[in-house]
Amino acid sequence: MNPLRPALLASMIAVASAVLACSPAEAKTTPQAFVQIETNVTASTAIKSFYTTLVETMKQGNALGFEGRYKKLDPAVRSTFNLPLMTRFAVGYTWARATPDEQNQLISAFSKFSVATYASRFTSYDGEQFVVLEEKPAPDGVMVETKLQPKQGDAVSLNYLMRKDEKGFWRIVDVFLNGSISELATRRSEFGAIVQREGIEALLNSLSEKSRQMGPT
């Protein structure tokens, strides 16, 4: 088993990340090829579609390179994850004090960081299987339970809290590793510490620098 796989599994939730739909600025940057067309698409189906794109990208990973993987994954990540909502939750109380321009910058920076994380970590395919198990009721939505089964070793539980956005599409609002570790809570602690010490601009710079280090976007 590739020794980088543990980091790859952890990065699965590192990208994840309020009650807002996409801002006009973000909507314009979302490629239309992956956008859900019908509002009756189930939460599980949305996850299955995302996993399909992820595996396809991994299988072509070496040939695509970082930029190719980023381009292929960008519409899938932006469509499946409610990144504007997750950004607001992750930033916490500071969101209300941010100007509209700062809010849009935060959404943009977090979105690019999320896509870049997938593009930099899911670089190749080694027999992994992404299995969607079942949906369970959750507050204001559903929890979609899945597992990531490596070619060798134990499976990793990845559960997605999903809610419908204002257009009626199921989108991810939080990710739970092993059923209990909330990615959104982790991000809120991390982001809040940066903003408290140095302000919103420092958080923007931090996200941009992390994206830059992973590869050109």
Foldseek 3Di string as FASTA:
>chain_A
DPPLVVVLVVLVQLLDFALDADDPVVVVVADPPLADDDLPQDLLNLVVVLVVLLQVCQACQVVLDLVRQLVSNLNSQVRAARLLRRLDLLQPPCLVVDDPVLSNLSSVLSSLLSSLSSSLRSRHDQPKDKAWDDWDDDVQFIKTWIWIHGPDDDIKIKIFGWHAHPVNHTHGHWIDTNPHRTSSVVSSVVNNVQCVVPRSVSSSVVSNVSSVVSHDD
